[in-house]
Every structure is written in structure tokens, then in C-alpha cells.
């Protein structure tokens, strides 16, 4: 486990690092599934890393399960898979991302890195997934142990910030997940240049559409397949 994650967990609870290194929760939270799947795609040697990331998400959804109160767990997995595929495609125009080598701390304890090397290998970089990006979130990330890792290696660190939008009813409300379809031309748009909303005649279209039915049961009752969104942006 990355040293920065262990230190972050200590800030929350001193017993948490012990638990994290020995057990895992029965189901994985959606944000954790996104991070793990994107990382799998970034470090993959495949020429199609977005497919590797998408498959990693499906593997997590089937082996551990998504920690969600939605009945359509397959639909939610489709939604998350479309996100990781798109994000990995954007972040991996070149070769695989690499991590720096572990280094010893002054007391001899090894530091296991969580950040990645830049393409020039002159500094570090890490991916930040968030619902919004403002001054408060920026300060939070600046003081995160995963960002302070740059001081351990003595090099700058870049934050690659991906704004997903708020999570409502099991899906992200951001432009990576949602678009608007013109009522006549059927073309897709994400946001007006003036920042105003689209009219009521514009149809909202989602990546990985699924039926939103919160429940305490984990049984999947409705499993629709993805609709026209993915095919229209290819």
C-alpha cells in the first residue's frame, strides 16, 4: 500500500491503517473503483489502455461489487466504466505511466510512492477526481499526503484534476457523463458558451443509462444496456 494513503488514514483514525493493510470492505465505493480502474489503464502496456481500465472496473464490480443503494448495479457499473474509459483515453496519449522507485526515509523506513512520474521524469504527477474544484478543494489537495509526496522526492508535483460533477442517484452530473441533444439536428452539446442552461426542448443524454431505483436490496432488477450516447461521440 502507498505510504501516502497510510498517512492520510492516520489523520482520520489511528486504527485505520492497521485495518486497511489487512482487510478490505465487502464492496468497493464508486470513487475508489474509479481510481483503481483508471490506474490500471494508466500503467498498462496495452495500446488500448482505456479498454484495460474499463475491464478493470467491470472486474471490481463483479468480484467485490459496487457499494451502492441502486437496484440496477449493472447499469451503474456501465456508467462508471464509460467514465474510466473516457478519462484514461484523455490521460494516456502516449506510453504507460510509471512510478518513481521507493526511497528510504531518514529513519530507514521505505516510502512507497503513490504518484506517477511525468513524461520527462523530471517531476511527479497525480490524478485527482472530484465533484467540484474551488479554493477549498485546492487547499485540501495541497495539504494531502499524496501531494506532499513531491517534497519527499524533492521535485515538483502536478495535479491532474478531473471534475466529475456531483453524484446523484448513482451517477455523476458532469459533462463527462451528461450532454444535451438538439431537438432537430440531434447533435450533442455539453455546455453553452455563455454558461446558461439549454432550453426545455433539448433532451438530456447520459453515458450508461440505467433505471434509478434506490433500495436497501443489492439485487439487480433492471439491467438496460448503454444507449446512443457512446455511439454518437465516436
C-alpha atoms as a PDB file:
ATOM      1  CA  UNK A   1       0.000   0.000   0.000  1.00  0.00           C
ATOM      2  CA  UNK A   2       1.199   3.519  -0.799  1.00  0.00           C
ATOM      3  CA  UNK A   3       2.734   5.314   2.184  1.00  0.00           C
ATOM      4  CA  UNK A   4       0.715   8.472   1.476  1.00  0.00           C
ATOM      5  CA  UNK A   5      -2.562   6.552   1.772  1.00  0.00           C
ATOM      6  CA  UNK A   6      -1.474   5.134   5.130  1.00  0.00           C
ATOM      7  CA  UNK A   7      -0.620   8.625   6.425  1.00  0.00           C
ATOM      8  CA  UNK A   8      -3.942  10.010   5.180  1.00  0.00           C
ATOM      9  CA  UNK A   9      -5.773   7.254   7.032  1.00  0.00           C
ATOM     10  CA  UNK A  10      -3.881   8.059  10.264  1.00  0.00           C
ATOM     11  CA  UNK A  11      -5.284  11.595  10.086  1.00  0.00           C
ATOM     12  CA  UNK A  12      -8.771  10.066  10.158  1.00  0.00           C
ATOM     13  CA  UNK A  13      -8.233   7.308  12.735  1.00  0.00           C
ATOM     14  CA  UNK A  14      -5.094   5.788  14.231  1.00  0.00           C
ATOM     15  CA  UNK A  15      -6.535   2.278  13.898  1.00  0.00           C
ATOM     16  CA  UNK A  16      -7.494   2.671  10.243  1.00  0.00           C
ATOM     17  CA  UNK A  17      -4.049   1.889   8.717  1.00  0.00           C
ATOM     18  CA  UNK A  18      -3.982  -1.452  10.545  1.00  0.00           C
ATOM     19  CA  UNK A  19      -7.389  -2.333   9.122  1.00  0.00           C
ATOM     20  CA  UNK A  20      -6.635  -1.145   5.591  1.00  0.00           C
ATOM     21  CA  UNK A  21      -3.469  -3.229   5.323  1.00  0.00           C
ATOM     22  CA  UNK A  22      -5.146  -6.448   6.491  1.00  0.00           C
ATOM     23  CA  UNK A  23      -8.775  -6.354   5.332  1.00  0.00           C
ATOM     24  CA  UNK A  24     -10.925  -4.889   2.624  1.00  0.00           C
ATOM     25  CA  UNK A  25     -14.577  -3.940   2.646  1.00  0.00           C
ATOM     26  CA  UNK A  26     -17.046  -6.428   1.091  1.00  0.00           C
ATOM     27  CA  UNK A  27     -18.000  -3.858  -1.574  1.00  0.00           C
ATOM     28  CA  UNK A  28     -15.968  -1.039  -3.090  1.00  0.00           C
ATOM     29  CA  UNK A  29     -17.067   2.585  -3.112  1.00  0.00           C
ATOM     30  CA  UNK A  30     -17.642   4.067  -6.598  1.00  0.00           C
ATOM     31  CA  UNK A  31     -14.887   6.684  -6.221  1.00  0.00           C
ATOM     32  CA  UNK A  32     -12.385   4.001  -5.178  1.00  0.00           C
ATOM     33  CA  UNK A  33     -13.408   1.856  -8.154  1.00  0.00           C
ATOM     34  CA  UNK A  34     -12.793   4.825 -10.449  1.00  0.00           C
ATOM     35  CA  UNK A  35      -9.304   5.443  -9.049  1.00  0.00           C
ATOM     36  CA  UNK A  36      -8.263   1.780  -9.201  1.00  0.00           C
ATOM     37  CA  UNK A  37      -9.578   1.266 -12.723  1.00  0.00           C
ATOM     38  CA  UNK A  38      -8.018   4.430 -14.125  1.00  0.00           C
ATOM     39  CA  UNK A  39      -4.688   3.488 -12.552  1.00  0.00           C
ATOM     40  CA  UNK A  40      -4.884   0.052 -14.155  1.00  0.00           C
ATOM     41  CA  UNK A  41      -5.284   1.705 -17.538  1.00  0.00           C
ATOM     42  CA  UNK A  42      -2.546   4.286 -16.995  1.00  0.00           C
ATOM     43  CA  UNK A  43       0.136   1.746 -16.095  1.00  0.00           C
ATOM     44  CA  UNK A  44      -0.948  -0.830 -18.675  1.00  0.00           C
ATOM     45  CA  UNK A  45       1.366  -1.612 -21.574  1.00  0.00           C
ATOM     46  CA  UNK A  46      -1.628  -2.135 -23.841  1.00  0.00           C
ATOM     47  CA  UNK A  47      -2.067   0.047 -26.926  1.00  0.00           C
ATOM     48  CA  UNK A  48      -5.711   0.452 -25.876  1.00  0.00           C
ATOM     49  CA  UNK A  49      -5.396   1.330 -22.158  1.00  0.00           C
ATOM     50  CA  UNK A  50      -8.963   2.649 -21.983  1.00  0.00           C
ATOM     51  CA  UNK A  51     -10.221  -0.876 -22.615  1.00  0.00           C
ATOM     52  CA  UNK A  52      -7.970  -2.171 -19.819  1.00  0.00           C
ATOM     53  CA  UNK A  53      -9.414   0.466 -17.460  1.00  0.00           C
ATOM     54  CA  UNK A  54     -12.968  -0.397 -18.460  1.00  0.00           C
ATOM     55  CA  UNK A  55     -12.373  -4.108 -17.907  1.00  0.00           C
ATOM     56  CA  UNK A  56     -10.772  -3.401 -14.531  1.00  0.00           C
ATOM     57  CA  UNK A  57     -13.941  -1.582 -13.475  1.00  0.00           C
ATOM     58  CA  UNK A  58     -16.114  -4.499 -14.537  1.00  0.00           C
ATOM     59  CA  UNK A  59     -13.815  -6.908 -12.668  1.00  0.00           C
ATOM     60  CA  UNK A  60     -14.226  -4.872  -9.477  1.00  0.00           C
ATOM     61  CA  UNK A  61     -17.986  -4.699  -9.971  1.00  0.00           C
ATOM     62  CA  UNK A  62     -18.283  -8.468 -10.370  1.00  0.00           C
ATOM     63  CA  UNK A  63     -15.730  -9.654  -7.809  1.00  0.00           C
ATOM     64  CA  UNK A  64     -16.270  -7.157  -4.996  1.00  0.00           C
ATOM     65  CA  UNK A  65     -19.418  -5.338  -6.016  1.00  0.00           C
ATOM     66  CA  UNK A  66     -20.216  -1.627  -6.031  1.00  0.00           C
ATOM     67  CA  UNK A  67     -21.205  -0.140  -2.663  1.00  0.00           C
ATOM     68  CA  UNK A  68     -24.431   1.488  -3.813  1.00  0.00           C
ATOM     69  CA  UNK A  69     -28.106   1.682  -2.901  1.00  0.00           C
ATOM     70  CA  UNK A  70     -29.191   1.426  -6.546  1.00  0.00           C
ATOM     71  CA  UNK A  71     -31.080  -1.647  -7.737  1.00  0.00           C
ATOM     72  CA  UNK A  72     -29.528  -1.516 -11.206  1.00  0.00           C
ATOM     73  CA  UNK A  73     -25.959  -2.331 -10.223  1.00  0.00           C
ATOM     74  CA  UNK A  74     -25.080  -3.407 -13.761  1.00  0.00           C
ATOM     75  CA  UNK A  75     -26.277  -0.072 -15.085  1.00  0.00           C
ATOM     76  CA  UNK A  76     -24.210   1.787 -12.517  1.00  0.00           C
ATOM     77  CA  UNK A  77     -21.180  -0.288 -13.482  1.00  0.00           C
ATOM     78  CA  UNK A  78     -21.814   0.654 -17.130  1.00  0.00           C
ATOM     79  CA  UNK A  79     -21.912   4.301 -16.105  1.00  0.00           C
ATOM     80  CA  UNK A  80     -18.626   4.085 -14.166  1.00  0.00           C
ATOM     81  CA  UNK A  81     -16.965   2.053 -16.919  1.00  0.00           C
ATOM     82  CA  UNK A  82     -17.780   4.713 -19.507  1.00  0.00           C
ATOM     83  CA  UNK A  83     -16.191   7.316 -17.231  1.00  0.00           C
ATOM     84  CA  UNK A  84     -12.931   5.433 -16.677  1.00  0.00           C
ATOM     85  CA  UNK A  85     -12.675   4.618 -20.380  1.00  0.00           C
ATOM     86  CA  UNK A  86     -13.050   8.272 -21.393  1.00  0.00           C
ATOM     87  CA  UNK A  87     -10.716   9.595 -18.691  1.00  0.00           C
ATOM     88  CA  UNK A  88      -8.000   7.034 -19.458  1.00  0.00           C
ATOM     89  CA  UNK A  89      -8.262   7.837 -23.162  1.00  0.00           C
ATOM     90  CA  UNK A  90      -7.660  11.522 -22.380  1.00  0.00           C
ATOM     91  CA  UNK A  91      -4.771  10.938 -19.956  1.00  0.00           C
ATOM     92  CA  UNK A  92      -2.878   8.280 -21.949  1.00  0.00           C
ATOM     93  CA  UNK A  93      -1.957   9.714 -25.366  1.00  0.00           C
ATOM     94  CA  UNK A  94       1.498   8.174 -25.048  1.00  0.00           C
ATOM     95  CA  UNK A  95       3.118   5.251 -23.272  1.00  0.00           C
ATOM     96  CA  UNK A  96       2.382   3.778 -19.837  1.00  0.00           C
ATOM     97  CA  UNK A  97       2.662   5.961 -16.767  1.00  0.00           C
ATOM     98  CA  UNK A  98       5.497   4.981 -14.425  1.00  0.00           C
ATOM     99  CA  UNK A  99       6.056   5.364 -10.702  1.00  0.00           C
ATOM    100  CA  UNK A 100       9.316   6.503  -9.104  1.00  0.00           C
ATOM    101  CA  UNK A 101      11.352   3.970  -7.183  1.00  0.00           C
ATOM    102  CA  UNK A 102      10.716   3.674  -3.413  1.00  0.00           C
ATOM    103  CA  UNK A 103      13.177   5.689  -1.343  1.00  0.00           C
ATOM    104  CA  UNK A 104      14.209   5.346   2.313  1.00  0.00           C
ATOM    105  CA  UNK A 105      13.204   7.949   4.873  1.00  0.00           C
ATOM    106  CA  UNK A 106      15.789   9.263   7.403  1.00  0.00           C
ATOM    107  CA  UNK A 107      14.824   6.526   9.885  1.00  0.00           C
ATOM    108  CA  UNK A 108      15.261   3.853   7.213  1.00  0.00           C
ATOM    109  CA  UNK A 109      11.545   3.258   6.615  1.00  0.00           C
ATOM    110  CA  UNK A 110      10.862   2.859   2.868  1.00  0.00           C
ATOM    111  CA  UNK A 111       8.491   5.317   1.236  1.00  0.00           C
ATOM    112  CA  UNK A 112       6.276   3.581  -1.314  1.00  0.00           C
ATOM    113  CA  UNK A 113       5.130   6.168  -3.863  1.00  0.00           C
ATOM    114  CA  UNK A 114       1.564   6.727  -4.974  1.00  0.00           C
ATOM    115  CA  UNK A 115       2.258   9.474  -7.533  1.00  0.00           C
ATOM    116  CA  UNK A 116       3.466   8.929 -11.088  1.00  0.00           C
ATOM    117  CA  UNK A 117       6.451  10.268 -12.961  1.00  0.00           C
ATOM    118  CA  UNK A 118       5.866  12.915 -15.600  1.00  0.00           C
ATOM    119  CA  UNK A 119       6.674  12.113 -19.237  1.00  0.00           C
ATOM    120  CA  UNK A 120      10.029  13.871 -18.868  1.00  0.00           C
ATOM    121  CA  UNK A 121      10.559  12.098 -15.497  1.00  0.00           C
ATOM    122  CA  UNK A 122      11.643  15.459 -14.058  1.00  0.00           C
ATOM    123  CA  UNK A 123       8.710  15.781 -11.647  1.00  0.00           C
ATOM    124  CA  UNK A 124       5.706  13.887 -10.290  1.00  0.00           C
ATOM    125  CA  UNK A 125       2.015  13.939 -11.137  1.00  0.00           C
ATOM    126  CA  UNK A 126      -1.137  12.553  -9.585  1.00  0.00           C
ATOM    127  CA  UNK A 127      -4.756  12.283 -10.660  1.00  0.00           C
ATOM    128  CA  UNK A 128      -7.451  13.993  -8.573  1.00  0.00           C
ATOM    129  CA  UNK A 129     -11.092  13.025  -9.100  1.00  0.00           C
ATOM    130  CA  UNK A 130     -13.536  15.484  -7.558  1.00  0.00           C
ATOM    131  CA  UNK A 131     -17.123  16.672  -7.773  1.00  0.00           C
ATOM    132  CA  UNK A 132     -16.039  20.311  -7.984  1.00  0.00           C
ATOM    133  CA  UNK A 133     -12.831  22.361  -7.976  1.00  0.00           C
ATOM    134  CA  UNK A 134     -12.722  25.512  -5.896  1.00  0.00           C
ATOM    135  CA  UNK A 135     -10.393  27.267  -3.444  1.00  0.00           C
ATOM    136  CA  UNK A 136     -11.393  24.969  -0.578  1.00  0.00           C
ATOM    137  CA  UNK A 137     -10.729  21.806  -2.538  1.00  0.00           C
ATOM    138  CA  UNK A 138      -7.433  23.213  -3.789  1.00  0.00           C
ATOM    139  CA  UNK A 139      -6.255  23.852  -0.215  1.00  0.00           C
ATOM    140  CA  UNK A 140      -7.372  20.358   0.778  1.00  0.00           C
ATOM    141  CA  UNK A 141      -5.356  18.772  -2.019  1.00  0.00           C
ATOM    142  CA  UNK A 142      -2.312  20.945  -1.324  1.00  0.00           C
ATOM    143  CA  UNK A 143      -2.159  19.543   2.218  1.00  0.00           C
ATOM    144  CA  UNK A 144      -2.906  15.956   1.202  1.00  0.00           C
ATOM    145  CA  UNK A 145      -0.075  13.498   1.850  1.00  0.00           C
ATOM    146  CA  UNK A 146      -0.363  12.315  -1.749  1.00  0.00           C
ATOM    147  CA  UNK A 147       0.561  15.839  -2.888  1.00  0.00           C
ATOM    148  CA  UNK A 148       3.228  16.347  -0.211  1.00  0.00           C
ATOM    149  CA  UNK A 149       4.944  13.298  -1.699  1.00  0.00           C
ATOM    150  CA  UNK A 150       6.690  15.742  -4.009  1.00  0.00           C
ATOM    151  CA  UNK A 151       8.654  17.073  -1.035  1.00  0.00           C
ATOM    152  CA  UNK A 152       9.764  13.532  -0.172  1.00  0.00           C
ATOM    153  CA  UNK A 153      11.367  13.205  -3.601  1.00  0.00           C
ATOM    154  CA  UNK A 154      12.425  16.857  -3.732  1.00  0.00           C
ATOM    155  CA  UNK A 155      10.668  17.587  -7.033  1.00  0.00           C
ATOM    156  CA  UNK A 156       7.505  19.482  -8.052  1.00  0.00           C
ATOM    157  CA  UNK A 157       4.241  17.611  -8.423  1.00  0.00           C
ATOM    158  CA  UNK A 158       1.440  18.352 -10.893  1.00  0.00           C
ATOM    159  CA  UNK A 159      -2.212  17.738 -10.066  1.00  0.00           C
ATOM    160  CA  UNK A 160      -4.257  16.387 -12.959  1.00  0.00           C
ATOM    161  CA  UNK A 161      -7.735  17.440 -11.833  1.00  0.00           C
ATOM    162  CA  UNK A 162     -10.785  15.699 -13.331  1.00  0.00           C
ATOM    163  CA  UNK A 163     -14.086  17.317 -12.332  1.00  0.00           C
ATOM    164  CA  UNK A 164     -16.783  14.642 -12.448  1.00  0.00           C
ATOM    165  CA  UNK A 165     -19.684  16.635 -11.075  1.00  0.00           C
ATOM    166  CA  UNK A 166     -21.818  15.748  -8.080  1.00  0.00           C
ATOM    167  CA  UNK A 167     -23.042  12.190  -7.631  1.00  0.00           C
ATOM    168  CA  UNK A 168     -26.818  11.939  -7.582  1.00  0.00           C
ATOM    169  CA  UNK A 169     -28.785   8.721  -7.677  1.00  0.00           C
ATOM    170  CA  UNK A 170     -25.714   6.736  -8.592  1.00  0.00           C
ATOM    171  CA  UNK A 171     -24.406   8.782 -11.494  1.00  0.00           C
ATOM    172  CA  UNK A 172     -22.172  11.815 -11.993  1.00  0.00           C
ATOM    173  CA  UNK A 173     -23.775  15.082 -13.053  1.00  0.00           C
ATOM    174  CA  UNK A 174     -20.842  16.454 -15.061  1.00  0.00           C
ATOM    175  CA  UNK A 175     -20.038  16.968 -18.766  1.00  0.00           C
ATOM    176  CA  UNK A 176     -18.047  13.729 -18.873  1.00  0.00           C
ATOM    177  CA  UNK A 177     -21.307  11.880 -18.170  1.00  0.00           C
ATOM    178  CA  UNK A 178     -24.065  14.167 -19.416  1.00  0.00           C
ATOM    179  CA  UNK A 179     -24.800  16.005 -22.635  1.00  0.00           C
ATOM    180  CA  UNK A 180     -27.794  17.614 -24.349  1.00  0.00           C
ATOM    181  CA  UNK A 181     -29.243  16.597 -27.715  1.00  0.00           C
ATOM    182  CA  UNK A 182     -30.673  19.175 -30.113  1.00  0.00           C
ATOM    183  CA  UNK A 183     -34.390  18.556 -30.766  1.00  0.00           C
ATOM    184  CA  UNK A 184     -33.990  18.866 -34.563  1.00  0.00           C
ATOM    185  CA  UNK A 185     -30.414  18.160 -35.660  1.00  0.00           C
ATOM    186  CA  UNK A 186     -29.890  15.535 -32.894  1.00  0.00           C
ATOM    187  CA  UNK A 187     -26.329  16.779 -32.375  1.00  0.00           C
ATOM    188  CA  UNK A 188     -24.836  16.718 -28.903  1.00  0.00           C
ATOM    189  CA  UNK A 189     -23.753  19.724 -26.861  1.00  0.00           C
ATOM    190  CA  UNK A 190     -22.235  19.860 -23.383  1.00  0.00           C
ATOM    191  CA  UNK A 191     -22.475  23.478 -22.312  1.00  0.00           C
ATOM    192  CA  UNK A 192     -23.439  26.841 -23.770  1.00  0.00           C
ATOM    193  CA  UNK A 193     -20.642  29.342 -24.264  1.00  0.00           C
ATOM    194  CA  UNK A 194     -22.483  31.937 -22.199  1.00  0.00           C
ATOM    195  CA  UNK A 195     -22.938  29.428 -19.366  1.00  0.00           C
ATOM    196  CA  UNK A 196     -26.744  29.459 -19.496  1.00  0.00           C
ATOM    197  CA  UNK A 197     -28.906  26.327 -19.492  1.00  0.00           C
ATOM    198  CA  UNK A 198     -30.273  24.707 -22.616  1.00  0.00           C
ATOM    199  CA  UNK A 199     -33.980  25.070 -23.339  1.00  0.00           C
ATOM    200  CA  UNK A 200     -36.589  22.585 -22.224  1.00  0.00           C
ATOM    201  CA  UNK A 201     -36.769  21.091 -25.732  1.00  0.00           C
ATOM    202  CA  UNK A 202     -33.196  19.800 -25.517  1.00  0.00           C
ATOM    203  CA  UNK A 203     -33.045  16.156 -24.442  1.00  0.00           C
ATOM    204  CA  UNK A 204     -30.638  15.196 -21.673  1.00  0.00           C
ATOM    205  CA  UNK A 205     -28.487  12.201 -22.664  1.00  0.00           C
ATOM    206  CA  UNK A 206     -26.316  10.148 -20.336  1.00  0.00           C
ATOM    207  CA  UNK A 207     -23.437   7.744 -20.602  1.00  0.00           C
ATOM    208  CA  UNK A 208     -24.512   4.328 -19.379  1.00  0.00           C
ATOM    209  CA  UNK A 209     -28.212   5.000 -18.773  1.00  0.00           C
ATOM    210  CA  UNK A 210     -29.860   2.954 -16.074  1.00  0.00           C
ATOM    211  CA  UNK A 211     -33.035   2.913 -14.012  1.00  0.00           C
ATOM    212  CA  UNK A 212     -32.714   4.922 -10.791  1.00  0.00           C
ATOM    213  CA  UNK A 213     -34.424   2.997  -8.016  1.00  0.00           C
ATOM    214  CA  UNK A 214     -32.707   3.333  -4.609  1.00  0.00           C
ATOM    215  CA  UNK A 215     -33.236   0.361  -2.342  1.00  0.00           C
ATOM    216  CA  UNK A 216     -31.569  -1.477   0.504  1.00  0.00           C
ATOM    217  CA  UNK A 217     -31.581  -4.670  -1.529  1.00  0.00           C
ATOM    218  CA  UNK A 218     -28.479  -5.457  -3.620  1.00  0.00           C
ATOM    219  CA  UNK A 219     -30.442  -7.477  -6.181  1.00  0.00           C
ATOM    220  CA  UNK A 220     -30.287  -6.125  -9.729  1.00  0.00           C
ATOM    221  CA  UNK A 221     -33.829  -5.919 -11.136  1.00  0.00           C
ATOM    222  CA  UNK A 222     -33.319  -3.756 -14.202  1.00  0.00           C
ATOM    223  CA  UNK A 223     -30.304  -4.153 -16.455  1.00  0.00           C
ATOM    224  CA  UNK A 224     -30.688  -1.973 -19.571  1.00  0.00           C
ATOM    225  CA  UNK A 225     -27.709  -1.725 -21.879  1.00  0.00           C
ATOM    226  CA  UNK A 226     -25.996   1.609 -22.708  1.00  0.00           C
ATOM    227  CA  UNK A 227     -27.955   3.801 -25.122  1.00  0.00           C
ATOM    228  CA  UNK A 228     -26.967   6.016 -28.022  1.00  0.00           C
ATOM    229  CA  UNK A 229     -24.656   8.359 -26.107  1.00  0.00           C
ATOM    230  CA  UNK A 230     -21.435   6.394 -26.592  1.00  0.00           C
ATOM    231  CA  UNK A 231     -22.023   5.750 -30.291  1.00  0.00           C
ATOM    232  CA  UNK A 232     -22.759   9.421 -31.021  1.00  0.00           C
ATOM    233  CA  UNK A 233     -19.446  10.730 -29.684  1.00  0.00           C
ATOM    234  CA  UNK A 234     -17.269   8.180 -31.503  1.00  0.00           C
END
